[in-house]
Structures are given as structure tokens and as C-alpha cells.
Amino acid sequence: MEYIKLGNTDISVSRFCLGCMSFGDPASEMHAWTLNPAESETIIKHALDLGVNFFDTANVYSAGTSETYLGRALKKSVARDKVIIATKVYFNEGHLGKAAIEREIDASLQRLGTDYVDLYIIHRFDHHTPIEETMAALDNLIKVGKVRALGASAMYGYQFYNMQLAAERGGWSPFVSMQNHYNLLYREDERELIPICQQQHIALTPYSPLAAGRLSRLAWQSETLRSQTDKTASAKYDSTQTTDADIVRRAHELAETYGVTMTQIALAWQLAKGVTAPIIGATKRKYIDDAVGALRVSLSQQDIDYLEEPYTPHRVVGAL
């Protein structure tokens, strides 16, 4: 495994982050394909064995049970100071208001079974709460030791810039990472958000790096439970299947040329584009093995141009 600093911090993270949306009680009615505690622990332990130290969850994943499963599994397997835990706040009563942030961090810490989280991420931009109220409340979490660093997720470039500017003006902690929607099939953030992040040395930790599996296989759909039931993924990608299929074919072609998997091509592309740590979701150990293998794949500029050439503009998906 390789490691890298998270933005401007001294926090060292693995080049892949294990996304924990796959863990949790399916009775929560968020997803039908989530893993139970024992299955979740198996995946988490395997990720640790491969050197992954970065784990991403959220207060709303499977009604909080993702945090619970993650916290229990980590406590059984590793010392707290050896892992980097990220969780999120927004999709809750009060969104990013001061009272909501204070309530939600305490609930997340209790479910995770820890005194602090390393990275606290705002899940979306809050149009109803003053930016200054949000940034001051987040900064206070760092001051009292409940959070080490702050991250943002899925918003427009101007929204992120304005929040960073408010932090600077108020003397509050800025964001150090951006968890945005980014992959070979969705590159809209290359217009503004990613350049802003690069200018400020913000760590990029994109979600859905494989476009919900569509970049990991030649066939657009699969027979897995997730593929059959994940309506969110279908809404993100299926309307552009006709134009995006050529990108998938090119990823397959390069994978065949280099004797690697399509997953490794898609992730190697992200690393070549300056991504700090793509967030990989896994319900089987072999999927983590496959992802980590991308560290051994080096794409030439010609390869990158070939993968990117068919891309056409998409409607914005993720930012509110």
C-alpha cells in the first residue's frame, strides 16, 4: 500500500479509502444489498490486512448502522490511532445548523465507539443555514477535540469557494478534502470545482470511481443484487449509456492490452489525475484486491487521452 498526506494536514491516508455504504442493516430501507455485521467485519479486516487505513461512512448510511458496524469491526482489529475515520453530516434534521452539527457529531461518535473522528465531512451544501454559522460550528468541533479535520462533498465550485472564504475571514478551520462525484463517465467537476481544489491543495477523495460498477465490466448491467436494486446508480448513469458505452469499451481495450482489469484502469486513471484516495465500495474481498492492484498500473498520457476523448458533457449529478 502507498500512503499520502490528506491535503494540507499531517494526516497520512492510504491511496484507497474503503467506502462503508455497503455495510449496515438492510431493514433500514436505504439499500437492500448491505452486509451484516459479520460480513462487514470480514471486508474491513481484509482492507486493514492490505494496508488500507482510511474508512468513510456517514450518519445516514443504513440509518446509522454503517457507523456502528464500522466502529465495532475496527475496535476488534486495530488500535484507534492507526486508522483514519471519516463520517458526514447534512441529511438530518437541521442540516448544517449549529445545533444539528453538535447533535449529529455526538450521535456519530457514540455509534462509532470513539472519542473523535479524523475527518468530518459536510455531505452537501446547505442553502438555508448561514455559511458563517456552519463554519464556526465545525471549527468548534476541532477546538474541543471531537474532529481533527474538515471535508466537504458534492457541491458547486462557487459554493465550496465561498465556504473556504468564510473560514478565512472568520479565522475558522477550512476544509482540507473534497469528496465529489468523479469518474471516467462523469467529469463535470473538471470545469470549476476540481481546479479550485487543486489551487488550494485540497485532497480529492471522489465517490463512485467505478460509476457503480459500470467501469469494472464490459456489460452495462450485471445480475448482482445491487445492480438490480440500486435506483440511485441507475438515475446517475443509465440515461447516458449510449454515449458512455464507448468509454467503457476503451477501458476494456486498455485492460486487455495491459493484462489488467477494467477496475484497475479506471482507478489508475484517477490516480494519474491527481486524486488522493478514491473511495472504493466492496462487498467481497476480491473487489478490494482488484482495486489495490491499480497501484501497479501506470497509464501513459496517450492512454489517458484515449480514455477521455469520447466524453461528452453531462447534466450535473450530486451537487444541490
C-alpha atoms as a PDB file:
ATOM      1  CA  MET A   1       0.000   0.000   0.000  1.00  0.00           C
ATOM      2  CA  GLU A   2       1.060   3.578  -0.624  1.00  0.00           C
ATOM      3  CA  TYR A   3       0.221   6.500   1.650  1.00  0.00           C
ATOM      4  CA  ILE A   4      -0.202  10.235   1.107  1.00  0.00           C
ATOM      5  CA  LYS A   5      -0.932  13.302   3.207  1.00  0.00           C
ATOM      6  CA  LEU A   6      -4.562  14.419   3.300  1.00  0.00           C
ATOM      7  CA  GLY A   7      -4.407  17.859   1.717  1.00  0.00           C
ATOM      8  CA  ASN A   8      -2.569  20.378   3.880  1.00  0.00           C
ATOM      9  CA  THR A   9      -2.721  18.214   7.014  1.00  0.00           C
ATOM     10  CA  ASP A  10      -0.234  15.836   8.601  1.00  0.00           C
ATOM     11  CA  ILE A  11      -2.819  13.046   8.391  1.00  0.00           C
ATOM     12  CA  SER A  12      -1.427  10.145   6.370  1.00  0.00           C
ATOM     13  CA  VAL A  13      -4.015   8.121   4.430  1.00  0.00           C
ATOM     14  CA  SER A  14      -3.832   5.063   2.202  1.00  0.00           C
ATOM     15  CA  ARG A  15      -4.209   5.693  -1.530  1.00  0.00           C
ATOM     16  CA  PHE A  16      -7.599   3.996  -1.365  1.00  0.00           C
ATOM     17  CA  CYS A  17     -10.398   4.704   1.075  1.00  0.00           C
ATOM     18  CA  LEU A  18     -12.867   1.960   1.932  1.00  0.00           C
ATOM     19  CA  GLY A  19     -16.388   3.299   1.492  1.00  0.00           C
ATOM     20  CA  CYS A  20     -18.741   1.923   4.126  1.00  0.00           C
ATOM     21  CA  MET A  21     -22.109   2.478   2.457  1.00  0.00           C
ATOM     22  CA  SER A  22     -22.034  -1.273   1.764  1.00  0.00           C
ATOM     23  CA  PHE A  23     -22.256  -2.018   5.488  1.00  0.00           C
ATOM     24  CA  GLY A  24     -25.451  -1.790   7.531  1.00  0.00           C
ATOM     25  CA  ASP A  25     -28.833  -3.240   8.336  1.00  0.00           C
ATOM     26  CA  PRO A  26     -30.902  -3.667   5.116  1.00  0.00           C
ATOM     27  CA  ALA A  27     -34.008  -3.241   7.269  1.00  0.00           C
ATOM     28  CA  SER A  28     -33.148   0.460   7.353  1.00  0.00           C
ATOM     29  CA  GLU A  29     -34.575   0.518   3.807  1.00  0.00           C
ATOM     30  CA  MET A  30     -31.676   2.549   2.419  1.00  0.00           C
ATOM     31  CA  HIS A  31     -30.170  -0.304   0.405  1.00  0.00           C
ATOM     32  CA  ALA A  32     -31.142  -3.958   0.050  1.00  0.00           C
ATOM     33  CA  TRP A  33     -27.580  -5.119  -0.625  1.00  0.00           C
ATOM     34  CA  THR A  34     -25.754  -4.042   2.532  1.00  0.00           C
ATOM     35  CA  LEU A  35     -23.710  -6.525   4.570  1.00  0.00           C
ATOM     36  CA  ASN A  36     -24.490  -7.761   8.079  1.00  0.00           C
ATOM     37  CA  PRO A  37     -22.043  -7.197  10.985  1.00  0.00           C
ATOM     38  CA  ALA A  38     -20.022 -10.376  10.434  1.00  0.00           C
ATOM     39  CA  GLU A  39     -19.767  -9.866   6.666  1.00  0.00           C
ATOM     40  CA  SER A  40     -18.849  -6.212   7.178  1.00  0.00           C
ATOM     41  CA  GLU A  41     -16.135  -7.165   9.636  1.00  0.00           C
ATOM     42  CA  THR A  42     -14.642  -9.616   7.134  1.00  0.00           C
ATOM     43  CA  ILE A  43     -14.338  -6.898   4.488  1.00  0.00           C
ATOM     44  CA  ILE A  44     -12.984  -4.309   6.919  1.00  0.00           C
ATOM     45  CA  LYS A  45     -10.408  -6.738   8.315  1.00  0.00           C
ATOM     46  CA  HIS A  46      -9.259  -7.654   4.806  1.00  0.00           C
ATOM     47  CA  ALA A  47      -8.859  -3.986   3.906  1.00  0.00           C
ATOM     48  CA  LEU A  48      -6.733  -3.482   7.016  1.00  0.00           C
ATOM     49  CA  ASP A  49      -4.607  -6.501   6.087  1.00  0.00           C
ATOM     50  CA  LEU A  50      -3.919  -4.883   2.704  1.00  0.00           C
ATOM     51  CA  GLY A  51      -2.788  -1.643   4.358  1.00  0.00           C
ATOM     52  CA  VAL A  52      -5.962   0.396   3.933  1.00  0.00           C
ATOM     53  CA  ASN A  53      -6.194   2.788   6.893  1.00  0.00           C
ATOM     54  CA  PHE A  54      -8.857   5.201   5.578  1.00  0.00           C
ATOM     55  CA  PHE A  55     -12.566   4.451   6.123  1.00  0.00           C
ATOM     56  CA  ASP A  56     -15.512   6.590   5.042  1.00  0.00           C
ATOM     57  CA  THR A  57     -19.055   6.369   6.405  1.00  0.00           C
ATOM     58  CA  ALA A  58     -21.961   8.731   7.190  1.00  0.00           C
ATOM     59  CA  ASN A  59     -24.575   9.317   9.843  1.00  0.00           C
ATOM     60  CA  VAL A  60     -27.337   8.353   7.406  1.00  0.00           C
ATOM     61  CA  TYR A  61     -25.856   5.217   5.871  1.00  0.00           C
ATOM     62  CA  SER A  62     -28.365   2.498   6.725  1.00  0.00           C
ATOM     63  CA  ALA A  63     -29.834   4.690   9.482  1.00  0.00           C
ATOM     64  CA  GLY A  64     -26.521   4.881  11.325  1.00  0.00           C
ATOM     65  CA  THR A  65     -25.844   1.153  11.395  1.00  0.00           C
ATOM     66  CA  SER A  66     -22.935   1.573   8.956  1.00  0.00           C
ATOM     67  CA  GLU A  67     -21.156   3.643  11.614  1.00  0.00           C
ATOM     68  CA  THR A  68     -21.994   1.045  14.252  1.00  0.00           C
ATOM     69  CA  TYR A  69     -20.678  -1.878  12.193  1.00  0.00           C
ATOM     70  CA  LEU A  70     -17.523   0.008  11.236  1.00  0.00           C
ATOM     71  CA  GLY A  71     -16.749   1.091  14.782  1.00  0.00           C
ATOM     72  CA  ARG A  72     -17.162  -2.414  16.202  1.00  0.00           C
ATOM     73  CA  ALA A  73     -15.066  -4.037  13.490  1.00  0.00           C
ATOM     74  CA  LEU A  74     -12.212  -1.553  13.840  1.00  0.00           C
ATOM     75  CA  LYS A  75     -12.186  -1.855  17.624  1.00  0.00           C
ATOM     76  CA  LYS A  76     -11.688  -5.626  17.290  1.00  0.00           C
ATOM     77  CA  SER A  77      -8.882  -5.376  14.759  1.00  0.00           C
ATOM     78  CA  VAL A  78      -6.737  -2.255  15.131  1.00  0.00           C
ATOM     79  CA  ALA A  79      -5.632   0.483  17.510  1.00  0.00           C
ATOM     80  CA  ARG A  80      -7.674   3.649  17.107  1.00  0.00           C
ATOM     81  CA  ASP A  81      -4.680   5.823  16.241  1.00  0.00           C
ATOM     82  CA  LYS A  82      -3.742   3.547  13.344  1.00  0.00           C
ATOM     83  CA  VAL A  83      -6.861   4.308  11.284  1.00  0.00           C
ATOM     84  CA  ILE A  84      -8.429   7.386   9.745  1.00  0.00           C
ATOM     85  CA  ILE A  85     -12.208   7.520  10.175  1.00  0.00           C
ATOM     86  CA  ALA A  86     -14.377   9.896   8.163  1.00  0.00           C
ATOM     87  CA  THR A  87     -18.102  10.426   8.629  1.00  0.00           C
ATOM     88  CA  LYS A  88     -20.611  13.003   7.434  1.00  0.00           C
ATOM     89  CA  VAL A  89     -23.400  15.404   8.381  1.00  0.00           C
ATOM     90  CA  TYR A  90     -26.225  17.042   6.368  1.00  0.00           C
ATOM     91  CA  PHE A  91     -29.053  14.603   5.601  1.00  0.00           C
ATOM     92  CA  ASN A  92     -30.560  15.094   9.036  1.00  0.00           C
ATOM     93  CA  GLU A  93     -32.931  17.447  10.810  1.00  0.00           C
ATOM     94  CA  GLY A  94     -31.428  20.912  10.778  1.00  0.00           C
ATOM     95  CA  HIS A  95     -28.900  20.092   8.037  1.00  0.00           C
ATOM     96  CA  LEU A  96     -25.777  22.177   8.828  1.00  0.00           C
ATOM     97  CA  GLY A  97     -27.131  24.410  11.561  1.00  0.00           C
ATOM     98  CA  LYS A  98     -25.075  24.688  14.755  1.00  0.00           C
ATOM     99  CA  ALA A  99     -27.489  22.635  16.866  1.00  0.00           C
ATOM    100  CA  ALA A 100     -27.703  19.916  14.205  1.00  0.00           C
ATOM    101  CA  ILE A 101     -23.936  19.650  13.821  1.00  0.00           C
ATOM    102  CA  GLU A 102     -23.425  19.377  17.579  1.00  0.00           C
ATOM    103  CA  ARG A 103     -26.169  16.765  17.901  1.00  0.00           C
ATOM    104  CA  GLU A 104     -25.064  14.685  14.928  1.00  0.00           C
ATOM    105  CA  ILE A 105     -21.367  14.540  15.787  1.00  0.00           C
ATOM    106  CA  ASP A 106     -22.187  13.233  19.262  1.00  0.00           C
ATOM    107  CA  ALA A 107     -24.503  10.594  17.819  1.00  0.00           C
ATOM    108  CA  SER A 108     -21.887   9.539  15.258  1.00  0.00           C
ATOM    109  CA  LEU A 109     -19.167   9.282  17.901  1.00  0.00           C
ATOM    110  CA  GLN A 110     -21.411   7.122  20.047  1.00  0.00           C
ATOM    111  CA  ARG A 111     -22.217   4.764  17.176  1.00  0.00           C
ATOM    112  CA  LEU A 112     -18.581   4.586  16.094  1.00  0.00           C
ATOM    113  CA  GLY A 113     -17.457   3.980  19.663  1.00  0.00           C
ATOM    114  CA  THR A 114     -14.718   6.621  19.530  1.00  0.00           C
ATOM    115  CA  ASP A 115     -13.958   9.988  21.107  1.00  0.00           C
ATOM    116  CA  TYR A 116     -13.133  11.684  17.821  1.00  0.00           C
ATOM    117  CA  VAL A 117     -13.278  11.333  14.058  1.00  0.00           C
ATOM    118  CA  ASP A 118     -10.319  12.211  11.894  1.00  0.00           C
ATOM    119  CA  LEU A 119     -12.332  13.791   9.092  1.00  0.00           C
ATOM    120  CA  TYR A 120     -15.817  15.302   9.424  1.00  0.00           C
ATOM    121  CA  ILE A 121     -17.440  15.923   6.065  1.00  0.00           C
ATOM    122  CA  ILE A 122     -20.448  18.076   5.183  1.00  0.00           C
ATOM    123  CA  HIS A 123     -22.475  15.811   2.902  1.00  0.00           C
ATOM    124  CA  ARG A 124     -23.929  18.641   0.798  1.00  0.00           C
ATOM    125  CA  PHE A 125     -24.181  22.448   0.711  1.00  0.00           C
ATOM    126  CA  ASP A 126     -26.884  23.903   2.980  1.00  0.00           C
ATOM    127  CA  HIS A 127     -28.863  26.657   1.259  1.00  0.00           C
ATOM    128  CA  HIS A 128     -30.785  27.557   4.415  1.00  0.00           C
ATOM    129  CA  THR A 129     -28.094  27.950   7.068  1.00  0.00           C
ATOM    130  CA  PRO A 130     -25.683  30.912   7.001  1.00  0.00           C
ATOM    131  CA  ILE A 131     -22.231  29.736   5.926  1.00  0.00           C
ATOM    132  CA  GLU A 132     -20.702  31.503   8.918  1.00  0.00           C
ATOM    133  CA  GLU A 133     -22.862  29.524  11.356  1.00  0.00           C
ATOM    134  CA  THR A 134     -21.788  26.245   9.761  1.00  0.00           C
ATOM    135  CA  MET A 135     -18.088  27.045   9.619  1.00  0.00           C
ATOM    136  CA  ALA A 136     -17.989  28.340  13.195  1.00  0.00           C
ATOM    137  CA  ALA A 137     -19.773  25.231  14.468  1.00  0.00           C
ATOM    138  CA  LEU A 138     -17.428  22.914  12.568  1.00  0.00           C
ATOM    139  CA  ASP A 139     -14.391  24.827  13.800  1.00  0.00           C
ATOM    140  CA  ASN A 140     -15.572  24.422  17.378  1.00  0.00           C
ATOM    141  CA  LEU A 141     -15.606  20.626  16.943  1.00  0.00           C
ATOM    142  CA  ILE A 142     -11.893  20.799  16.191  1.00  0.00           C
ATOM    143  CA  LYS A 143     -11.246  23.063  19.166  1.00  0.00           C
ATOM    144  CA  VAL A 144     -12.961  20.664  21.595  1.00  0.00           C
ATOM    145  CA  GLY A 145     -11.187  17.630  20.131  1.00  0.00           C
ATOM    146  CA  LYS A 146     -14.112  15.812  18.542  1.00  0.00           C
ATOM    147  CA  VAL A 147     -12.775  16.266  14.997  1.00  0.00           C
ATOM    148  CA  ARG A 148      -9.268  16.514  13.551  1.00  0.00           C
ATOM    149  CA  ALA A 149     -10.004  17.925  10.097  1.00  0.00           C
ATOM    150  CA  LEU A 150     -12.928  19.029   7.920  1.00  0.00           C
ATOM    151  CA  GLY A 151     -14.065  17.917   4.500  1.00  0.00           C
ATOM    152  CA  ALA A 152     -16.810  18.801   2.024  1.00  0.00           C
ATOM    153  CA  SER A 153     -18.720  16.777  -0.536  1.00  0.00           C
ATOM    154  CA  ALA A 154     -20.685  17.163  -3.768  1.00  0.00           C
ATOM    155  CA  MET A 155     -21.259  20.881  -4.336  1.00  0.00           C
ATOM    156  CA  TYR A 156     -20.674  23.567  -6.925  1.00  0.00           C
ATOM    157  CA  GLY A 157     -17.303  25.242  -7.130  1.00  0.00           C
ATOM    158  CA  TYR A 158     -18.611  28.656  -6.090  1.00  0.00           C
ATOM    159  CA  GLN A 159     -20.285  27.149  -3.007  1.00  0.00           C
ATOM    160  CA  PHE A 160     -17.075  25.487  -1.892  1.00  0.00           C
ATOM    161  CA  TYR A 161     -15.042  28.636  -2.550  1.00  0.00           C
ATOM    162  CA  ASN A 162     -17.464  30.779  -0.566  1.00  0.00           C
ATOM    163  CA  MET A 163     -17.265  28.427   2.406  1.00  0.00           C
ATOM    164  CA  GLN A 164     -13.473  28.460   2.301  1.00  0.00           C
ATOM    165  CA  LEU A 165     -13.548  32.266   2.100  1.00  0.00           C
ATOM    166  CA  ALA A 166     -15.887  32.445   5.113  1.00  0.00           C
ATOM    167  CA  ALA A 167     -13.496  30.241   7.085  1.00  0.00           C
ATOM    168  CA  GLU A 168     -10.581  32.504   6.227  1.00  0.00           C
ATOM    169  CA  ARG A 169     -12.478  35.654   7.177  1.00  0.00           C
ATOM    170  CA  GLY A 170     -13.732  34.172  10.429  1.00  0.00           C
ATOM    171  CA  GLY A 171     -10.435  32.628  11.453  1.00  0.00           C
ATOM    172  CA  TRP A 172     -12.019  29.177  11.367  1.00  0.00           C
ATOM    173  CA  SER A 173     -10.650  25.858  10.137  1.00  0.00           C
ATOM    174  CA  PRO A 174     -11.032  25.415   6.355  1.00  0.00           C
ATOM    175  CA  PHE A 175     -11.882  22.241   4.515  1.00  0.00           C
ATOM    176  CA  VAL A 176      -8.943  20.002   3.622  1.00  0.00           C
ATOM    177  CA  SER A 177     -10.709  17.470   1.388  1.00  0.00           C
ATOM    178  CA  MET A 178     -13.423  17.209  -1.242  1.00  0.00           C
ATOM    179  CA  GLN A 179     -15.493  14.049  -1.754  1.00  0.00           C
ATOM    180  CA  ASN A 180     -17.104  14.697  -5.100  1.00  0.00           C
ATOM    181  CA  HIS A 181     -18.709  12.674  -7.875  1.00  0.00           C
ATOM    182  CA  TYR A 182     -15.898  11.921 -10.315  1.00  0.00           C
ATOM    183  CA  ASN A 183     -15.019   9.094 -12.688  1.00  0.00           C
ATOM    184  CA  LEU A 184     -14.356   8.423 -16.366  1.00  0.00           C
ATOM    185  CA  LEU A 185     -18.096   8.600 -17.092  1.00  0.00           C
ATOM    186  CA  TYR A 186     -18.729  11.778 -15.071  1.00  0.00           C
ATOM    187  CA  ARG A 187     -16.181  14.592 -15.271  1.00  0.00           C
ATOM    188  CA  GLU A 188     -18.253  17.750 -14.860  1.00  0.00           C
ATOM    189  CA  ASP A 189     -16.272  18.891 -11.820  1.00  0.00           C
ATOM    190  CA  GLU A 190     -13.208  19.347 -14.024  1.00  0.00           C
ATOM    191  CA  ARG A 191     -14.760  22.660 -15.089  1.00  0.00           C
ATOM    192  CA  GLU A 192     -14.521  24.529 -11.773  1.00  0.00           C
ATOM    193  CA  LEU A 193     -14.604  22.515  -8.535  1.00  0.00           C
ATOM    194  CA  ILE A 194     -11.501  20.419  -9.147  1.00  0.00           C
ATOM    195  CA  PRO A 195      -9.359  23.376 -10.305  1.00  0.00           C
ATOM    196  CA  ILE A 196     -10.362  25.249  -7.137  1.00  0.00           C
ATOM    197  CA  CYS A 197      -9.383  22.226  -5.057  1.00  0.00           C
ATOM    198  CA  GLN A 198      -6.063  21.915  -6.854  1.00  0.00           C
ATOM    199  CA  GLN A 199      -5.330  25.594  -6.335  1.00  0.00           C
ATOM    200  CA  GLN A 200      -5.932  25.234  -2.587  1.00  0.00           C
ATOM    201  CA  HIS A 201      -4.172  21.845  -2.284  1.00  0.00           C
ATOM    202  CA  ILE A 202      -7.427  20.160  -1.257  1.00  0.00           C
ATOM    203  CA  ALA A 203      -7.338  16.358  -1.174  1.00  0.00           C
ATOM    204  CA  LEU A 204      -9.653  14.770  -3.743  1.00  0.00           C
ATOM    205  CA  THR A 205     -11.423  11.663  -2.420  1.00  0.00           C
ATOM    206  CA  PRO A 206     -14.099  11.030  -5.064  1.00  0.00           C
ATOM    207  CA  TYR A 207     -17.016   8.697  -4.584  1.00  0.00           C
ATOM    208  CA  SER A 208     -18.284   6.301  -7.254  1.00  0.00           C
ATOM    209  CA  PRO A 209     -14.891   5.986  -9.010  1.00  0.00           C
ATOM    210  CA  LEU A 210     -16.192   2.955 -10.917  1.00  0.00           C
ATOM    211  CA  ALA A 211     -19.564   4.515 -11.797  1.00  0.00           C
ATOM    212  CA  ALA A 212     -21.383   1.943  -9.657  1.00  0.00           C
ATOM    213  CA  GLY A 213     -19.584  -0.905 -11.421  1.00  0.00           C
ATOM    214  CA  ARG A 214     -20.099   0.287 -14.964  1.00  0.00           C
ATOM    215  CA  LEU A 215     -16.358   0.836 -15.352  1.00  0.00           C
ATOM    216  CA  SER A 216     -15.494  -2.589 -13.959  1.00  0.00           C
ATOM    217  CA  ARG A 217     -17.102  -4.726 -16.682  1.00  0.00           C
ATOM    218  CA  LEU A 218     -17.875  -4.589 -20.379  1.00  0.00           C
ATOM    219  CA  ALA A 219     -21.603  -5.242 -19.894  1.00  0.00           C
ATOM    220  CA  TRP A 220     -23.521  -2.164 -18.733  1.00  0.00           C
ATOM    221  CA  GLN A 221     -25.716  -4.114 -16.296  1.00  0.00           C
ATOM    222  CA  SER A 222     -24.928  -7.088 -14.086  1.00  0.00           C
ATOM    223  CA  GLU A 223     -27.006  -9.659 -12.231  1.00  0.00           C
ATOM    224  CA  THR A 224     -25.921  -8.584  -8.736  1.00  0.00           C
ATOM    225  CA  LEU A 225     -28.486  -7.557  -6.146  1.00  0.00           C
ATOM    226  CA  ARG A 226     -27.045  -4.061  -6.100  1.00  0.00           C
ATOM    227  CA  SER A 227     -27.321  -3.640  -9.858  1.00  0.00           C
ATOM    228  CA  GLN A 228     -30.905  -4.844  -9.781  1.00  0.00           C
ATOM    229  CA  THR A 229     -31.999  -2.616  -6.882  1.00  0.00           C
ATOM    230  CA  ASP A 230     -29.750   0.460  -6.827  1.00  0.00           C
ATOM    231  CA  LYS A 231     -32.080   3.084  -8.280  1.00  0.00           C
ATOM    232  CA  THR A 232     -29.693   5.908  -7.363  1.00  0.00           C
ATOM    233  CA  ALA A 233     -26.976   4.475  -9.580  1.00  0.00           C
ATOM    234  CA  SER A 234     -29.428   3.936 -12.416  1.00  0.00           C
ATOM    235  CA  ALA A 235     -30.508   7.569 -12.195  1.00  0.00           C
ATOM    236  CA  LYS A 236     -26.877   8.707 -12.322  1.00  0.00           C
ATOM    237  CA  TYR A 237     -25.692   6.686 -15.284  1.00  0.00           C
ATOM    238  CA  ASP A 238     -28.289   4.904 -17.354  1.00  0.00           C
ATOM    239  CA  SER A 239     -29.573   7.938 -19.258  1.00  0.00           C
ATOM    240  CA  THR A 240     -26.131   8.413 -20.841  1.00  0.00           C
ATOM    241  CA  GLN A 241     -25.419   4.768 -21.598  1.00  0.00           C
ATOM    242  CA  THR A 242     -25.369   5.302 -25.358  1.00  0.00           C
ATOM    243  CA  THR A 243     -22.647   7.933 -25.272  1.00  0.00           C
ATOM    244  CA  ASP A 244     -20.704   6.494 -22.351  1.00  0.00           C
ATOM    245  CA  ALA A 245     -20.514   2.944 -23.671  1.00  0.00           C
ATOM    246  CA  ASP A 246     -17.566   3.887 -25.882  1.00  0.00           C
ATOM    247  CA  ILE A 247     -15.570   4.966 -22.813  1.00  0.00           C
ATOM    248  CA  VAL A 248     -16.327   1.617 -21.201  1.00  0.00           C
ATOM    249  CA  ARG A 249     -15.183  -0.191 -24.346  1.00  0.00           C
ATOM    250  CA  ARG A 250     -11.927   1.767 -24.366  1.00  0.00           C
ATOM    251  CA  ALA A 251     -11.281   0.935 -20.720  1.00  0.00           C
ATOM    252  CA  HIS A 252     -11.840  -2.727 -21.595  1.00  0.00           C
ATOM    253  CA  GLU A 253      -9.490  -2.469 -24.556  1.00  0.00           C
ATOM    254  CA  LEU A 254      -6.690  -0.968 -22.448  1.00  0.00           C
ATOM    255  CA  ALA A 255      -7.261  -3.573 -19.747  1.00  0.00           C
ATOM    256  CA  GLU A 256      -6.833  -6.304 -22.342  1.00  0.00           C
ATOM    257  CA  THR A 257      -3.718  -4.610 -23.737  1.00  0.00           C
ATOM    258  CA  TYR A 258      -2.024  -4.361 -20.342  1.00  0.00           C
ATOM    259  CA  GLY A 259      -3.313  -7.640 -18.921  1.00  0.00           C
ATOM    260  CA  VAL A 260      -5.076  -5.953 -16.013  1.00  0.00           C
ATOM    261  CA  THR A 261      -8.701  -5.426 -15.019  1.00  0.00           C
ATOM    262  CA  MET A 262     -11.024  -2.633 -16.058  1.00  0.00           C
ATOM    263  CA  THR A 263     -11.288  -1.639 -12.407  1.00  0.00           C
ATOM    264  CA  GLN A 264      -7.542  -1.107 -12.316  1.00  0.00           C
ATOM    265  CA  ILE A 265      -7.630   1.003 -15.478  1.00  0.00           C
ATOM    266  CA  ALA A 266     -10.396   3.227 -14.102  1.00  0.00           C
ATOM    267  CA  LEU A 267      -8.645   3.697 -10.763  1.00  0.00           C
ATOM    268  CA  ALA A 268      -5.212   4.196 -12.322  1.00  0.00           C
ATOM    269  CA  TRP A 269      -6.780   6.990 -14.384  1.00  0.00           C
ATOM    270  CA  GLN A 270      -7.989   8.653 -11.175  1.00  0.00           C
ATOM    271  CA  LEU A 271      -4.576   8.434  -9.534  1.00  0.00           C
ATOM    272  CA  ALA A 272      -2.984   9.867 -12.685  1.00  0.00           C
ATOM    273  CA  LYS A 273      -5.429  12.796 -12.499  1.00  0.00           C
ATOM    274  CA  GLY A 274      -4.195  13.768  -9.049  1.00  0.00           C
ATOM    275  CA  VAL A 275      -6.808  12.057  -6.899  1.00  0.00           C
ATOM    276  CA  THR A 276      -5.602  11.481  -3.330  1.00  0.00           C
ATOM    277  CA  ALA A 277      -7.715   8.453  -2.445  1.00  0.00           C
ATOM    278  CA  PRO A 278     -10.667   7.125  -4.459  1.00  0.00           C
ATOM    279  CA  ILE A 279     -13.443   5.729  -2.291  1.00  0.00           C
ATOM    280  CA  ILE A 280     -13.974   2.072  -3.139  1.00  0.00           C
ATOM    281  CA  GLY A 281     -17.054   0.181  -2.030  1.00  0.00           C
ATOM    282  CA  ALA A 282     -16.719  -3.560  -1.645  1.00  0.00           C
ATOM    283  CA  THR A 283     -18.997  -6.431  -0.704  1.00  0.00           C
ATOM    284  CA  LYS A 284     -16.374  -9.084  -1.459  1.00  0.00           C
ATOM    285  CA  ARG A 285     -12.682  -9.291  -0.532  1.00  0.00           C
ATOM    286  CA  LYS A 286     -11.670  -9.835  -4.148  1.00  0.00           C
ATOM    287  CA  TYR A 287     -13.000  -6.387  -5.047  1.00  0.00           C
ATOM    288  CA  ILE A 288     -10.533  -4.760  -2.633  1.00  0.00           C
ATOM    289  CA  ASP A 289      -7.698  -6.894  -4.010  1.00  0.00           C
ATOM    290  CA  ASP A 290      -8.625  -5.773  -7.510  1.00  0.00           C
ATOM    291  CA  ALA A 291      -8.719  -2.093  -6.547  1.00  0.00           C
ATOM    292  CA  VAL A 292      -5.396  -2.123  -4.726  1.00  0.00           C
ATOM    293  CA  GLY A 293      -3.836  -3.705  -7.815  1.00  0.00           C
ATOM    294  CA  ALA A 294      -4.333  -0.367  -9.591  1.00  0.00           C
ATOM    295  CA  LEU A 295      -1.228   0.894  -7.798  1.00  0.00           C
ATOM    296  CA  ARG A 296       0.802  -1.313 -10.129  1.00  0.00           C
ATOM    297  CA  VAL A 297      -0.762   0.174 -13.285  1.00  0.00           C
ATOM    298  CA  SER A 298       0.852   3.179 -14.941  1.00  0.00           C
ATOM    299  CA  LEU A 299      -1.036   4.905 -17.752  1.00  0.00           C
ATOM    300  CA  SER A 300       0.732   6.986 -20.366  1.00  0.00           C
ATOM    301  CA  GLN A 301      -0.603  10.370 -21.406  1.00  0.00           C
ATOM    302  CA  GLN A 302      -1.653   8.735 -24.656  1.00  0.00           C
ATOM    303  CA  ASP A 303      -3.695   6.187 -22.680  1.00  0.00           C
ATOM    304  CA  ILE A 304      -5.337   8.947 -20.643  1.00  0.00           C
ATOM    305  CA  ASP A 305      -6.197  10.927 -23.774  1.00  0.00           C
ATOM    306  CA  TYR A 306      -7.638   7.799 -25.379  1.00  0.00           C
ATOM    307  CA  LEU A 307      -9.894   7.126 -22.382  1.00  0.00           C
ATOM    308  CA  GLU A 308     -11.065  10.726 -22.170  1.00  0.00           C
ATOM    309  CA  GLU A 309     -11.595  11.522 -25.846  1.00  0.00           C
ATOM    310  CA  PRO A 310     -15.210  10.222 -26.232  1.00  0.00           C
ATOM    311  CA  TYR A 311     -16.525  12.159 -23.206  1.00  0.00           C
ATOM    312  CA  THR A 312     -19.481  14.487 -23.765  1.00  0.00           C
ATOM    313  CA  PRO A 313     -20.962  16.991 -21.281  1.00  0.00           C
ATOM    314  CA  HIS A 314     -23.408  15.553 -18.735  1.00  0.00           C
ATOM    315  CA  ARG A 315     -26.072  17.069 -16.556  1.00  0.00           C
ATOM    316  CA  VAL A 316     -24.813  17.830 -13.061  1.00  0.00           C
ATOM    317  CA  VAL A 317     -25.375  14.915 -10.658  1.00  0.00           C
ATOM    318  CA  GLY A 318     -24.560  15.235  -6.955  1.00  0.00           C
ATOM    319  CA  ALA A 319     -24.410  18.957  -6.257  1.00  0.00           C
ATOM    320  CA  LEU A 320     -27.571  20.586  -4.888  1.00  0.00           C
END
